[in-house]
C-alpha atoms as a PDB file:
ATOM      1  CA  MET A   1     -26.938 -38.632  -9.912  1.00  0.00           C
ATOM      2  CA  GLU A   2     -27.434 -36.282 -12.866  1.00  0.00           C
ATOM      3  CA  MET A   3     -24.198 -33.572 -13.161  1.00  0.00           C
ATOM      4  CA  THR A   4     -25.105 -30.084 -12.102  1.00  0.00           C
ATOM      5  CA  TYR A   5     -23.206 -27.259 -14.053  1.00  0.00           C
ATOM      6  CA  ALA A   6     -22.731 -23.176 -13.873  1.00  0.00           C
ATOM      7  CA  LYS A   7     -23.424 -22.143 -16.956  1.00  0.00           C
ATOM      8  CA  SER A   8     -22.571 -18.674 -18.203  1.00  0.00           C
ATOM      9  CA  PRO A   9     -21.612 -16.782 -21.728  1.00  0.00           C
ATOM     10  CA  CYS A  10     -17.441 -16.668 -21.843  1.00  0.00           C
ATOM     11  CA  LEU A  11     -15.034 -15.176 -23.902  1.00  0.00           C
ATOM     12  CA  GLU A  12     -12.169 -17.724 -25.249  1.00  0.00           C
ATOM     13  CA  VAL A  13      -8.815 -15.903 -24.977  1.00  0.00           C
ATOM     14  CA  LYS A  14      -5.047 -16.603 -25.052  1.00  0.00           C
ATOM     15  CA  LEU A  15      -2.981 -15.219 -22.123  1.00  0.00           C
ATOM     16  CA  GLY A  16       0.178 -15.343 -23.813  1.00  0.00           C
ATOM     17  CA  GLN A  17       0.760 -19.287 -24.682  1.00  0.00           C
ATOM     18  CA  ILE A  18      -1.592 -20.231 -22.038  1.00  0.00           C
ATOM     19  CA  PRO A  19      -5.685 -20.936 -22.987  1.00  0.00           C
ATOM     20  CA  ALA A  20      -8.277 -19.599 -20.908  1.00  0.00           C
ATOM     21  CA  TYR A  21     -11.987 -18.675 -20.746  1.00  0.00           C
ATOM     22  CA  ILE A  22     -13.528 -15.595 -18.709  1.00  0.00           C
ATOM     23  CA  PHE A  23     -16.915 -15.538 -16.941  1.00  0.00           C
ATOM     24  CA  MET A  24     -18.759 -14.447 -14.510  1.00  0.00           C
ATOM     25  CA  MET A  25     -19.820 -16.742 -11.361  1.00  0.00           C
ATOM     26  CA  ARG A  26     -22.079 -16.545  -8.479  1.00  0.00           C
ATOM     27  CA  VAL A  27     -19.593 -16.410  -5.469  1.00  0.00           C
ATOM     28  CA  ASN A  28     -21.463 -19.350  -4.211  1.00  0.00           C
ATOM     29  CA  ASP A  29     -20.745 -21.999  -6.941  1.00  0.00           C
ATOM     30  CA  LEU A  30     -17.148 -20.838  -7.243  1.00  0.00           C
ATOM     31  CA  HIS A  31     -15.904 -21.093  -3.251  1.00  0.00           C
ATOM     32  CA  TYR A  32     -18.181 -24.453  -4.007  1.00  0.00           C
ATOM     33  CA  ILE A  33     -15.810 -25.754  -6.718  1.00  0.00           C
ATOM     34  CA  LYS A  34     -12.428 -24.106  -5.365  1.00  0.00           C
ATOM     35  CA  TYR A  35      -9.741 -25.279  -3.484  1.00  0.00           C
ATOM     36  CA  ILE A  36      -5.878 -23.829  -1.983  1.00  0.00           C
ATOM     37  CA  ALA A  37      -2.747 -25.680  -3.491  1.00  0.00           C
ATOM     38  CA  VAL A  38      -0.267 -24.096  -0.986  1.00  0.00           C
ATOM     39  CA  ARG A  39       3.499 -24.353  -1.860  1.00  0.00           C
ATOM     40  CA  GLY A  40       5.988 -25.820   0.450  1.00  0.00           C
ATOM     41  CA  ARG A  41       2.614 -27.843   2.233  1.00  0.00           C
ATOM     42  CA  ASP A  42       0.805 -29.487  -0.478  1.00  0.00           C
ATOM     43  CA  ALA A  43       2.338 -31.932  -2.631  1.00  0.00           C
ATOM     44  CA  GLU A  44       0.397 -31.088  -5.616  1.00  0.00           C
ATOM     45  CA  GLU A  45       1.410 -30.038  -9.594  1.00  0.00           C
ATOM     46  CA  GLY A  46       0.335 -26.340  -9.740  1.00  0.00           C
ATOM     47  CA  ALA A  47       0.804 -25.366  -6.265  1.00  0.00           C
ATOM     48  CA  VAL A  48       1.904 -21.845  -5.742  1.00  0.00           C
ATOM     49  CA  GLN A  49      -0.134 -20.202  -2.791  1.00  0.00           C
ATOM     50  CA  ARG A  50       0.521 -18.765   0.151  1.00  0.00           C
ATOM     51  CA  VAL A  51      -0.622 -19.004   3.726  1.00  0.00           C
ATOM     52  CA  LEU A  52      -3.196 -16.942   4.470  1.00  0.00           C
ATOM     53  CA  SER A  53      -2.962 -13.163   6.367  1.00  0.00           C
ATOM     54  CA  PRO A  54      -5.451 -13.184   9.159  1.00  0.00           C
ATOM     55  CA  ILE A  55      -5.147  -9.197   9.069  1.00  0.00           C
ATOM     56  CA  ARG A  56      -5.909  -8.924   5.410  1.00  0.00           C
ATOM     57  CA  LEU A  57      -8.825 -11.756   5.436  1.00  0.00           C
ATOM     58  CA  GLN A  58     -10.639  -8.629   8.080  1.00  0.00           C
ATOM     59  CA  SER A  59      -9.860  -6.312   6.390  1.00  0.00           C
ATOM     60  CA  ILE A  60     -11.697  -8.236   2.490  1.00  0.00           C
ATOM     61  CA  GLU A  61     -14.667  -9.258   5.056  1.00  0.00           C
ATOM     62  CA  GLU A  62     -15.521  -5.946   5.848  1.00  0.00           C
ATOM     63  CA  TYR A  63     -15.037  -4.490   2.875  1.00  0.00           C
ATOM     64  CA  VAL A  64     -17.447  -6.794   1.441  1.00  0.00           C
ATOM     65  CA  LEU A  65     -19.568  -6.269   3.866  1.00  0.00           C
ATOM     66  CA  LYS A  66     -20.270  -2.248   2.986  1.00  0.00           C
ATOM     67  CA  GLY A  67     -21.988  -3.472  -0.338  1.00  0.00           C
ATOM     68  CA  ASN A  68     -18.349  -3.071  -2.034  1.00  0.00           C
ATOM     69  CA  THR A  69     -17.168  -5.816  -4.665  1.00  0.00           C
ATOM     70  CA  PHE A  70     -14.267  -6.716  -6.812  1.00  0.00           C
ATOM     71  CA  TYR A  71     -13.790  -6.086 -10.062  1.00  0.00           C
ATOM     72  CA  THR A  72     -10.563  -7.842 -11.026  1.00  0.00           C
ATOM     73  CA  PRO A  73     -10.779 -11.437 -11.874  1.00  0.00           C
ATOM     74  CA  PHE A  74     -10.424 -14.434  -9.967  1.00  0.00           C
ATOM     75  CA  PHE A  75      -7.936 -16.565 -11.992  1.00  0.00           C
ATOM     76  CA  LEU A  76      -8.175 -20.662 -11.215  1.00  0.00           C
ATOM     77  CA  ASN A  77      -6.912 -23.737 -12.831  1.00  0.00           C
ATOM     78  CA  TRP A  78      -9.463 -26.455 -13.313  1.00  0.00           C
ATOM     79  CA  THR A  79      -7.875 -29.755 -12.349  1.00  0.00           C
ATOM     80  CA  ASN A  80     -10.291 -32.136 -12.218  1.00  0.00           C
ATOM     81  CA  GLN A  81      -9.887 -34.861 -14.967  1.00  0.00           C
ATOM     82  CA  GLU A  82     -12.825 -37.237 -14.245  1.00  0.00           C
ATOM     83  CA  GLN A  83     -14.911 -34.159 -14.844  1.00  0.00           C
ATOM     84  CA  SER A  84     -13.953 -31.758 -18.023  1.00  0.00           C
ATOM     85  CA  ILE A  85     -15.560 -28.029 -18.644  1.00  0.00           C
ATOM     86  CA  LYS A  86     -17.494 -27.612 -21.646  1.00  0.00           C
ATOM     87  CA  VAL A  87     -18.041 -24.831 -23.758  1.00  0.00           C
ATOM     88  CA  GLU A  88     -20.409 -24.855 -26.662  1.00  0.00           C
ATOM     89  CA  ASP A  89     -21.833 -21.724 -28.801  1.00  0.00           C
ATOM     90  CA  GLY A  90     -19.914 -19.020 -26.388  1.00  0.00           C
ATOM     91  CA  VAL A  91     -21.352 -20.555 -22.996  1.00  0.00           C
ATOM     92  CA  ILE A  92     -19.293 -22.310 -20.701  1.00  0.00           C
ATOM     93  CA  SER A  93     -20.367 -25.339 -18.517  1.00  0.00           C
ATOM     94  CA  VAL A  94     -18.715 -25.481 -15.431  1.00  0.00           C
ATOM     95  CA  PRO A  95     -19.275 -29.016 -13.282  1.00  0.00           C
ATOM     96  CA  LEU A  96     -20.351 -27.929  -9.757  1.00  0.00           C
ATOM     97  CA  VAL A  97     -17.962 -30.060  -8.275  1.00  0.00           C
ATOM     98  CA  PRO A  98     -15.556 -29.942  -5.122  1.00  0.00           C
ATOM     99  CA  ASN A  99     -12.589 -29.372  -5.136  1.00  0.00           C
ATOM    100  CA  SER A 100     -11.729 -29.313  -8.911  1.00  0.00           C
ATOM    101  CA  ALA A 101     -10.971 -25.312  -9.149  1.00  0.00           C
ATOM    102  CA  GLN A 102      -7.284 -24.935  -7.970  1.00  0.00           C
ATOM    103  CA  VAL A 103      -7.277 -20.820  -7.189  1.00  0.00           C
ATOM    104  CA  ILE A 104      -3.735 -19.011  -8.651  1.00  0.00           C
ATOM    105  CA  ASP A 105      -4.720 -15.823  -7.796  1.00  0.00           C
ATOM    106  CA  GLY A 106      -7.762 -14.300  -5.784  1.00  0.00           C
ATOM    107  CA  GLN A 107      -7.275 -16.716  -2.453  1.00  0.00           C
ATOM    108  CA  HIS A 108      -7.406 -14.110  -0.036  1.00  0.00           C
ATOM    109  CA  ARG A 109     -10.745 -12.420  -1.587  1.00  0.00           C
ATOM    110  CA  LEU A 110     -12.223 -15.981  -2.485  1.00  0.00           C
ATOM    111  CA  ALA A 111     -11.448 -16.371   1.491  1.00  0.00           C
ATOM    112  CA  GLY A 112     -12.550 -12.994   2.699  1.00  0.00           C
ATOM    113  CA  LEU A 113     -16.197 -13.687   0.914  1.00  0.00           C
ATOM    114  CA  GLU A 114     -16.400 -17.043   2.665  1.00  0.00           C
ATOM    115  CA  ARG A 115     -16.590 -15.251   5.750  1.00  0.00           C
ATOM    116  CA  ALA A 116     -18.521 -12.458   4.688  1.00  0.00           C
ATOM    117  CA  MET A 117     -21.319 -15.034   3.947  1.00  0.00           C
ATOM    118  CA  LYS A 118     -21.123 -16.292   6.573  1.00  0.00           C
ATOM    119  CA  LYS A 119     -22.591 -13.166   8.061  1.00  0.00           C
ATOM    120  CA  ASP A 120     -24.556 -11.920   5.126  1.00  0.00           C
ATOM    121  CA  PRO A 121     -26.167 -14.888   3.041  1.00  0.00           C
ATOM    122  CA  SER A 122     -26.962 -12.409   0.165  1.00  0.00           C
ATOM    123  CA  VAL A 123     -23.240 -12.512  -0.800  1.00  0.00           C
ATOM    124  CA  GLU A 124     -23.413 -15.680  -2.028  1.00  0.00           C
ATOM    125  CA  ASN A 125     -25.447 -14.451  -5.006  1.00  0.00           C
ATOM    126  CA  GLN A 126     -23.120 -12.013  -6.189  1.00  0.00           C
ATOM    127  CA  GLU A 127     -21.246 -12.281  -9.279  1.00  0.00           C
ATOM    128  CA  VAL A 128     -17.527 -12.331  -9.583  1.00  0.00           C
ATOM    129  CA  MET A 129     -15.264 -12.120 -12.531  1.00  0.00           C
ATOM    130  CA  VAL A 130     -13.362 -15.692 -13.095  1.00  0.00           C
ATOM    131  CA  VAL A 131     -10.435 -16.458 -15.224  1.00  0.00           C
ATOM    132  CA  LEU A 132     -10.354 -20.017 -15.659  1.00  0.00           C
ATOM    133  CA  SER A 133      -7.735 -22.388 -17.100  1.00  0.00           C
ATOM    134  CA  ASN A 134      -7.665 -25.812 -18.029  1.00  0.00           C
ATOM    135  CA  LEU A 135      -5.014 -28.813 -16.310  1.00  0.00           C
ATOM    136  CA  LEU A 136      -2.036 -26.273 -16.048  1.00  0.00           C
ATOM    137  CA  ASN A 137       1.106 -27.731 -14.749  1.00  0.00           C
ATOM    138  CA  THR A 138       3.386 -26.441 -12.027  1.00  0.00           C
ATOM    139  CA  LYS A 139       5.539 -24.114 -14.290  1.00  0.00           C
ATOM    140  CA  GLU A 140       2.877 -22.924 -16.325  1.00  0.00           C
ATOM    141  CA  ALA A 141       0.912 -22.140 -12.763  1.00  0.00           C
ATOM    142  CA  ALA A 142       3.840 -20.734 -10.995  1.00  0.00           C
ATOM    143  CA  SER A 143       4.370 -18.294 -14.485  1.00  0.00           C
ATOM    144  CA  VAL A 144       0.661 -17.021 -14.194  1.00  0.00           C
ATOM    145  CA  PHE A 145       1.359 -16.606 -10.089  1.00  0.00           C
ATOM    146  CA  LEU A 146       4.936 -14.591 -10.394  1.00  0.00           C
ATOM    147  CA  ASN A 147       3.048 -12.471 -13.266  1.00  0.00           C
ATOM    148  CA  ILE A 148       0.052 -11.233 -11.741  1.00  0.00           C
ATOM    149  CA  ASN A 149       2.138 -10.896  -8.076  1.00  0.00           C
ATOM    150  CA  THR A 150       5.287  -9.439  -9.330  1.00  0.00           C
ATOM    151  CA  GLU A 151       5.033  -7.699 -12.498  1.00  0.00           C
ATOM    152  CA  GLN A 152       1.911  -5.889 -12.002  1.00  0.00           C
ATOM    153  CA  LYS A 153       2.451  -3.571  -9.295  1.00  0.00           C
ATOM    154  CA  PRO A 154      -0.935  -2.729  -7.394  1.00  0.00           C
ATOM    155  CA  VAL A 155      -2.284   1.314  -7.911  1.00  0.00           C
ATOM    156  CA  PRO A 156      -2.059   3.097  -4.879  1.00  0.00           C
ATOM    157  CA  LYS A 157      -5.744   3.476  -3.913  1.00  0.00           C
ATOM    158  CA  SER A 158      -5.702   7.284  -3.834  1.00  0.00           C
ATOM    159  CA  LEU A 159      -4.479   7.682  -6.741  1.00  0.00           C
ATOM    160  CA  ILE A 160      -7.967   7.411  -8.105  1.00  0.00           C
ATOM    161  CA  TYR A 161      -8.621  10.775  -6.692  1.00  0.00           C
ATOM    162  CA  ASP A 162      -6.057  12.134  -9.372  1.00  0.00           C
ATOM    163  CA  LEU A 163      -7.158  10.140 -12.034  1.00  0.00           C
ATOM    164  CA  PHE A 164     -10.969  10.963 -12.024  1.00  0.00           C
ATOM    165  CA  GLY A 165     -11.729  14.746 -11.595  1.00  0.00           C
ATOM    166  CA  VAL A 166     -15.644  13.922 -11.188  1.00  0.00           C
ATOM    167  CA  ILE A 167     -15.205  12.245  -7.304  1.00  0.00           C
ATOM    168  CA  ASN A 168     -15.005  15.177  -5.119  1.00  0.00           C
ATOM    169  CA  GLU A 169     -11.936  16.140  -3.810  1.00  0.00           C
ATOM    170  CA  ASN A 170     -13.237  17.023  -0.499  1.00  0.00           C
ATOM    171  CA  GLU A 171     -14.302  13.109   0.207  1.00  0.00           C
ATOM    172  CA  PRO A 172     -13.456  12.531   3.994  1.00  0.00           C
ATOM    173  CA  GLU A 173     -11.939   9.571   3.578  1.00  0.00           C
ATOM    174  CA  LEU A 174      -8.936  10.868   0.831  1.00  0.00           C
ATOM    175  CA  PRO A 175      -6.403  12.584   3.664  1.00  0.00           C
ATOM    176  CA  LEU A 176      -6.306   9.305   5.366  1.00  0.00           C
ATOM    177  CA  VAL A 177      -5.909   7.204   2.265  1.00  0.00           C
ATOM    178  CA  ARG A 178      -3.486   9.480   0.478  1.00  0.00           C
ATOM    179  CA  ALA A 179      -1.424   9.382   3.833  1.00  0.00           C
ATOM    180  CA  LYS A 180      -0.894   5.859   3.818  1.00  0.00           C
ATOM    181  CA  ASP A 181      -0.150   5.767   0.295  1.00  0.00           C
ATOM    182  CA  ILE A 182       2.821   8.269   0.673  1.00  0.00           C
ATOM    183  CA  ALA A 183       3.741   6.014   4.168  1.00  0.00           C
ATOM    184  CA  LEU A 184       3.947   3.118   2.014  1.00  0.00           C
ATOM    185  CA  ALA A 185       6.440   4.953  -0.638  1.00  0.00           C
ATOM    186  CA  LEU A 186       8.122   5.732   2.337  1.00  0.00           C
ATOM    187  CA  GLN A 187       8.227   2.097   2.849  1.00  0.00           C
ATOM    188  CA  LEU A 188       8.830   0.961  -0.624  1.00  0.00           C
ATOM    189  CA  ASP A 189      10.639   3.741  -2.602  1.00  0.00           C
ATOM    190  CA  GLU A 190      14.302   2.520  -3.303  1.00  0.00           C
ATOM    191  CA  LYS A 191      14.778   6.087  -3.318  1.00  0.00           C
ATOM    192  CA  SER A 192      13.082   6.571   0.385  1.00  0.00           C
ATOM    193  CA  PRO A 193      15.523   6.941   4.002  1.00  0.00           C
ATOM    194  CA  TYR A 194      13.121   4.908   5.207  1.00  0.00           C
ATOM    195  CA  LEU A 195      12.951   1.982   3.044  1.00  0.00           C
ATOM    196  CA  ASN A 196      12.055  -1.040   4.761  1.00  0.00           C
ATOM    197  CA  SER A 197      12.006   0.730   8.043  1.00  0.00           C
ATOM    198  CA  VAL A 198       8.035   1.005   8.434  1.00  0.00           C
ATOM    199  CA  LYS A 199       6.701  -1.156  10.965  1.00  0.00           C
ATOM    200  CA  MET A 200       3.712  -2.418   8.965  1.00  0.00           C
ATOM    201  CA  PRO A 201       0.719  -4.477  10.334  1.00  0.00           C
ATOM    202  CA  GLY A 202       1.228  -8.175  11.450  1.00  0.00           C
ATOM    203  CA  SER A 203       5.099  -7.813  10.751  1.00  0.00           C
ATOM    204  CA  MET A 204       7.306  -9.870  12.807  1.00  0.00           C
ATOM    205  CA  ARG A 205       9.035  -8.376  16.230  1.00  0.00           C
ATOM    206  CA  GLY A 206      11.790  -6.191  15.575  1.00  0.00           C
ATOM    207  CA  VAL A 207      11.029  -5.804  11.825  1.00  0.00           C
ATOM    208  CA  GLY A 208      10.912  -2.142  11.279  1.00  0.00           C
ATOM    209  CA  ILE A 209      11.465   0.704  13.066  1.00  0.00           C
ATOM    210  CA  ILE A 210       8.780   3.437  12.619  1.00  0.00           C
ATOM    211  CA  ASP A 211       5.145   2.803  12.961  1.00  0.00           C
ATOM    212  CA  LEU A 212       3.101   2.570  10.208  1.00  0.00           C
ATOM    213  CA  SER A 213       0.319   4.477  12.407  1.00  0.00           C
ATOM    214  CA  THR A 214       2.589   6.975  13.223  1.00  0.00           C
ATOM    215  CA  ILE A 215       3.866   7.871   9.909  1.00  0.00           C
ATOM    216  CA  VAL A 216       0.042   7.746   8.676  1.00  0.00           C
ATOM    217  CA  ASN A 217      -1.006  10.612  11.574  1.00  0.00           C
ATOM    218  CA  SER A 218       1.591  12.625  10.570  1.00  0.00           C
ATOM    219  CA  ILE A 219       1.629  13.031   7.294  1.00  0.00           C
ATOM    220  CA  LYS A 220      -2.310  13.308   7.337  1.00  0.00           C
ATOM    221  CA  PRO A 221      -2.138  16.985   8.647  1.00  0.00           C
ATOM    222  CA  LEU A 222      -0.563  17.899   5.057  1.00  0.00           C
ATOM    223  CA  LEU A 223      -3.457  16.583   3.351  1.00  0.00           C
ATOM    224  CA  GLU A 224      -6.312  18.101   5.625  1.00  0.00           C
ATOM    225  CA  GLU A 225      -8.364  21.253   4.577  1.00  0.00           C
ATOM    226  CA  ASP A 226      -6.034  23.638   6.395  1.00  0.00           C
ATOM    227  CA  GLY A 227      -2.782  21.799   5.430  1.00  0.00           C
ATOM    228  CA  ALA A 228       0.291  23.068   3.136  1.00  0.00           C
ATOM    229  CA  PHE A 229      -0.544  20.578   0.683  1.00  0.00           C
ATOM    230  CA  LYS A 230      -3.697  21.483  -0.132  1.00  0.00           C
ATOM    231  CA  LYS A 231      -3.325  25.139   0.648  1.00  0.00           C
ATOM    232  CA  TYR A 232      -0.457  25.379  -1.363  1.00  0.00           C
ATOM    233  CA  ARG A 233      -2.029  23.216  -4.115  1.00  0.00           C
ATOM    234  CA  LEU A 234       0.039  20.491  -4.249  1.00  0.00           C
ATOM    235  CA  LEU A 235      -2.619  17.768  -5.304  1.00  0.00           C
ATOM    236  CA  ASN A 236      -0.913  15.239  -7.453  1.00  0.00           C
ATOM    237  CA  LEU A 237       0.234  12.104  -5.407  1.00  0.00           C
ATOM    238  CA  GLU A 238       3.619  11.846  -7.195  1.00  0.00           C
ATOM    239  CA  ASN A 239       4.376  15.614  -6.394  1.00  0.00           C
ATOM    240  CA  GLN A 240       3.472  14.598  -2.903  1.00  0.00           C
ATOM    241  CA  VAL A 241       5.403  11.642  -2.469  1.00  0.00           C
ATOM    242  CA  THR A 242       8.364  13.710  -4.136  1.00  0.00           C
ATOM    243  CA  VAL A 243       8.144  16.932  -1.460  1.00  0.00           C
ATOM    244  CA  VAL A 244       8.322  14.202   1.396  1.00  0.00           C
ATOM    245  CA  LEU A 245      10.885  12.232   0.075  1.00  0.00           C
ATOM    246  CA  ASN A 246      13.208  15.284  -0.739  1.00  0.00           C
ATOM    247  CA  TYR A 247      12.651  16.485   2.234  1.00  0.00           C
ATOM    248  CA  PHE A 248      13.620  13.299   4.736  1.00  0.00           C
ATOM    249  CA  ASN A 249      16.328  13.046   2.088  1.00  0.00           C
ATOM    250  CA  ALA A 250      17.850  16.548   3.138  1.00  0.00           C
ATOM    251  CA  ILE A 251      17.516  15.494   6.771  1.00  0.00           C
ATOM    252  CA  LYS A 252      19.338  12.093   6.035  1.00  0.00           C
ATOM    253  CA  THR A 253      21.866  13.738   4.042  1.00  0.00           C
ATOM    254  CA  ALA A 254      23.312  15.753   6.990  1.00  0.00           C
ATOM    255  CA  TYR A 255      23.328  12.659   9.095  1.00  0.00           C
ATOM    256  CA  MET A 256      25.408  10.657   6.547  1.00  0.00           C
ATOM    257  CA  LYS A 257      27.882  12.835   6.664  1.00  0.00           C
ATOM    258  CA  LYS A 258      28.866  11.199  10.387  1.00  0.00           C
ATOM    259  CA  ASP A 259      27.490   8.039   9.089  1.00  0.00           C
ATOM    260  CA  MET A 260      24.569   8.124  11.533  1.00  0.00           C
ATOM    261  CA  TRP A 261      21.728   7.771   9.467  1.00  0.00           C
ATOM    262  CA  HIS A 262      21.289   4.114  10.233  1.00  0.00           C
ATOM    263  CA  SER A 263      22.301   3.972  13.783  1.00  0.00           C
ATOM    264  CA  LYS A 264      19.165   3.764  15.934  1.00  0.00           C
ATOM    265  CA  LEU A 265      21.435   4.634  18.869  1.00  0.00           C
ATOM    266  CA  SER A 266      22.126   8.671  17.200  1.00  0.00           C
ATOM    267  CA  ASN A 267      19.757   9.275  15.053  1.00  0.00           C
ATOM    268  CA  PRO A 268      16.596  11.222  16.389  1.00  0.00           C
ATOM    269  CA  PHE A 269      14.812  10.460  12.811  1.00  0.00           C
ATOM    270  CA  LEU A 270      14.635   7.036  13.382  1.00  0.00           C
ATOM    271  CA  THR A 271      12.067   7.435  16.381  1.00  0.00           C
ATOM    272  CA  ASN A 272       8.315   7.975  16.441  1.00  0.00           C
ATOM    273  CA  ALA A 273       8.830  11.424  18.205  1.00  0.00           C
ATOM    274  CA  GLY A 274      11.512  12.304  15.427  1.00  0.00           C
ATOM    275  CA  PHE A 275       9.415  11.313  12.426  1.00  0.00           C
ATOM    276  CA  ILE A 276       6.037  13.288  14.193  1.00  0.00           C
ATOM    277  CA  ALA A 277       8.224  16.036  14.895  1.00  0.00           C
ATOM    278  CA  ALA A 278       9.757  16.905  11.341  1.00  0.00           C
ATOM    279  CA  ALA A 279       6.669  15.894   9.560  1.00  0.00           C
ATOM    280  CA  ASP A 280       5.347  18.544  11.445  1.00  0.00           C
ATOM    281  CA  VAL A 281       8.101  21.202  10.622  1.00  0.00           C
ATOM    282  CA  LEU A 282       7.577  20.230   7.225  1.00  0.00           C
ATOM    283  CA  ASN A 283       4.251  21.114   7.156  1.00  0.00           C
ATOM    284  CA  LYS A 284       4.062  24.543   8.884  1.00  0.00           C
ATOM    285  CA  THR A 285       7.342  25.932   7.476  1.00  0.00           C
ATOM    286  CA  MET A 286       9.572  23.836   5.279  1.00  0.00           C
ATOM    287  CA  ILE A 287       6.895  23.737   2.448  1.00  0.00           C
ATOM    288  CA  PRO A 288       5.914  27.795   2.470  1.00  0.00           C
ATOM    289  CA  LYS A 289       9.765  28.387   2.126  1.00  0.00           C
ATOM    290  CA  CYS A 290       9.655  26.043  -0.704  1.00  0.00           C
ATOM    291  CA  VAL A 291       6.908  27.602  -2.220  1.00  0.00           C
ATOM    292  CA  GLU A 292       8.600  31.235  -1.769  1.00  0.00           C
ATOM    293  CA  LYS A 293      11.431  30.314  -4.269  1.00  0.00           C
ATOM    294  CA  LYS A 294       8.807  27.795  -5.908  1.00  0.00           C
ATOM    295  CA  ASP A 295      11.497  24.947  -5.788  1.00  0.00           C
ATOM    296  CA  PHE A 296      11.001  21.877  -3.714  1.00  0.00           C
ATOM    297  CA  SER A 297      14.526  19.879  -4.674  1.00  0.00           C
ATOM    298  CA  GLN A 298      15.914  17.954  -2.354  1.00  0.00           C
ATOM    299  CA  GLU A 299      19.039  20.659  -2.799  1.00  0.00           C
ATOM    300  CA  ASN A 300      16.947  23.453  -2.157  1.00  0.00           C
ATOM    301  CA  MET A 301      15.589  21.579   0.905  1.00  0.00           C
ATOM    302  CA  GLU A 302      19.297  21.361   2.212  1.00  0.00           C
ATOM    303  CA  ARG A 303      20.070  25.011   1.617  1.00  0.00           C
ATOM    304  CA  LEU A 304      17.247  26.050   3.674  1.00  0.00           C
ATOM    305  CA  LEU A 305      17.201  23.391   6.366  1.00  0.00           C
ATOM    306  CA  LYS A 306      21.341  24.448   7.009  1.00  0.00           C
ATOM    307  CA  LEU A 307      21.956  21.524   9.272  1.00  0.00           C
ATOM    308  CA  ASP A 308      25.654  21.378  10.056  1.00  0.00           C
ATOM    309  CA  GLU A 309      27.280  17.742  10.825  1.00  0.00           C
ATOM    310  CA  THR A 310      29.042  19.653  13.765  1.00  0.00           C
ATOM    311  CA  THR A 311      26.045  20.187  16.009  1.00  0.00           C
ATOM    312  CA  LEU A 312      24.003  17.864  15.033  1.00  0.00           C
ATOM    313  CA  LEU A 313      20.706  16.695  17.399  1.00  0.00           C
ATOM    314  CA  LEU A 314      21.618  13.471  18.618  1.00  0.00           C
ATOM    315  CA  ARG A 315      19.331  10.819  20.499  1.00  0.00           C
ATOM    316  CA  ALA A 316      21.660  11.354  23.327  1.00  0.00           C
ATOM    317  CA  ASP A 317      20.256  15.418  23.490  1.00  0.00           C
ATOM    318  CA  LEU A 318      17.261  13.474  24.503  1.00  0.00           C
ATOM    319  CA  LYS A 319      17.722  11.350  27.393  1.00  0.00           C
ATOM    320  CA  ASN A 320      15.121  11.910  30.658  1.00  0.00           C
ATOM    321  CA  VAL A 321      12.296  13.688  28.934  1.00  0.00           C
ATOM    322  CA  ASP A 322       9.004  12.018  27.605  1.00  0.00           C
ATOM    323  CA  GLY A 323       8.017  11.925  23.941  1.00  0.00           C
ATOM    324  CA  LYS A 324       6.089  15.399  23.800  1.00  0.00           C
ATOM    325  CA  MET A 325       9.199  17.057  25.244  1.00  0.00           C
ATOM    326  CA  GLN A 326      11.178  15.236  22.435  1.00  0.00           C
ATOM    327  CA  ARG A 327       8.859  16.205  19.808  1.00  0.00           C
ATOM    328  CA  LYS A 328       9.297  19.600  20.954  1.00  0.00           C
ATOM    329  CA  ILE A 329      13.200  19.747  21.337  1.00  0.00           C
ATOM    330  CA  ILE A 330      13.579  18.215  17.775  1.00  0.00           C
ATOM    331  CA  ALA A 331      10.915  20.275  16.066  1.00  0.00           C
ATOM    332  CA  LYS A 332      12.790  23.655  17.234  1.00  0.00           C
ATOM    333  CA  TYR A 333      15.921  22.366  16.301  1.00  0.00           C
ATOM    334  CA  LEU A 334      14.561  21.935  12.893  1.00  0.00           C
ATOM    335  CA  GLU A 335      13.306  25.091  13.032  1.00  0.00           C
ATOM    336  CA  ASP A 336      15.879  27.035  14.657  1.00  0.00           C
ATOM    337  CA  SER A 337      18.123  25.550  11.718  1.00  0.00           C
ATOM    338  CA  ILE A 338      15.797  26.945   9.179  1.00  0.00           C
ATOM    339  CA  ASN A 339      15.180  30.139  10.162  1.00  0.00           C
ATOM    340  CA  ASN A 340      18.289  30.866  11.651  1.00  0.00           C
ATOM    341  CA  ASP A 341      19.406  33.463   8.880  1.00  0.00           C
ATOM    342  CA  ILE A 342      16.741  35.453  10.137  1.00  0.00           C
ATOM    343  CA  PRO A 343      17.593  39.257  10.926  1.00  0.00           C
ATOM    344  CA  ASN A 344      17.240  40.620  14.292  1.00  0.00           C
ATOM    345  CA  GLU A 345      14.830  43.090  14.670  1.00  0.00           C
ATOM    346  CA  ASP A 346      17.076  46.420  14.587  1.00  0.00           C
ATOM    347  CA  ALA A 347      18.097  45.057  10.838  1.00  0.00           C
ATOM    348  CA  TYR A 348      14.491  45.965   9.553  1.00  0.00           C
ATOM    349  CA  LYS A 349      13.547  48.922   7.958  1.00  0.00           C
ATOM    350  CA  PHE A 350      10.136  50.330   9.338  1.00  0.00           C
END
């Protein structure tokens, strides 16, 4: 039987010391030749992949079915020693043989594309970019995988609104996307008081303290049309993250003086109610106060908050009240702390 090839113009490159070819390939052909070797499960040279995440697969499938494509390449390692890839006059010929190309990077995207193909057959004719290496050993494959997945950090999705001014800043999805980026900064930034404390979707039970959805929904009002970030022209992602981190670190400082910030039994800001209330005060009161002084530093926020470590609000103060009332009590505590230097009516000049 005559061998069938997928042919495409290609660019021959060297990634560090690893020779590779860059070219476009039909999704269906790529799906036909690829396979996944999972580390710890498959005893194979170059097995570096992880077990697939069902949540991420569903997200990718929905993304593809909305008509989107991928601009980043799929990195594969050709492992079939009986059938070789051929390159002649700038054209690569890839034998269409099942289980011949091991996926080094892009396994979730490929699996998501496969799911999308079952619902929309036209997906199989889409073309994606492929970087194909040849007969890498385990050490080489691991080196490539680690470079892609650790050294190159993904860019926050909402950063595109900062980088490309041609995109409408009133894009309806921007507040939600940006709120999630800020929430991820709270989870991942080493300076965050909520480092590794966010309950991420799909995380194991008991991992995390505050729900990701709570943080996103609490931050989102700051980013909407009448929110403080928009009102006071705080539009840059980096500045928005800094404001949020400085504010919650200012609250943390007072509780750290009593060594209670990390105590889930004592600290009301390690609850969904506490975060919601604090974010609301940030939006309505703290940011306008900082604008007056043109100072969003943590030190200024600490001065404005004036939290007295001898009279800290504790979770014990919230006993026997529902979540709504807890939010009111926590917000009032912060508001009163910020406004405790406002004079009485008789001190004003009329």
